[in-house]
Amino acid sequence: MTALLTDLKRLGEMRAPDGFAERVLMEAGIADSYASFETVLGEVYVAWNRLGVSAAARCASAAEFEAMFIGVRSGVRSCSRLPRLTLRPRSMTS
């Protein structure tokens, strides 16, 4: 057996790093990232991908947002939650 075949067989035993599949899906446009923000309207969930914002909604929980998001986005199979983000006002300079 050649070294290449041996290496390929061993590759099947390897485990991908944590989060690898999610990153691949996001780059392929099959999954989006999302985070929650505290706003004057209450907690708002915002999802985005490499093309921009894909959804924004007020929901009672992350699970509710994920169910709503995956239900309305045809073809999207998952979304990955990022830690809660804090919005900061942009400085207005001329």
Foldseek 3Di string as FASTA:
>chain_A
DDPVVVVVVVVVVDDDDPPPVVVVCLVVVQEWEKAWEQDPVGIKIWTAGPVGTDDIDDDPDPVVVFVVSPVVDPRRDYYHYDYHDYDDDDDDDD
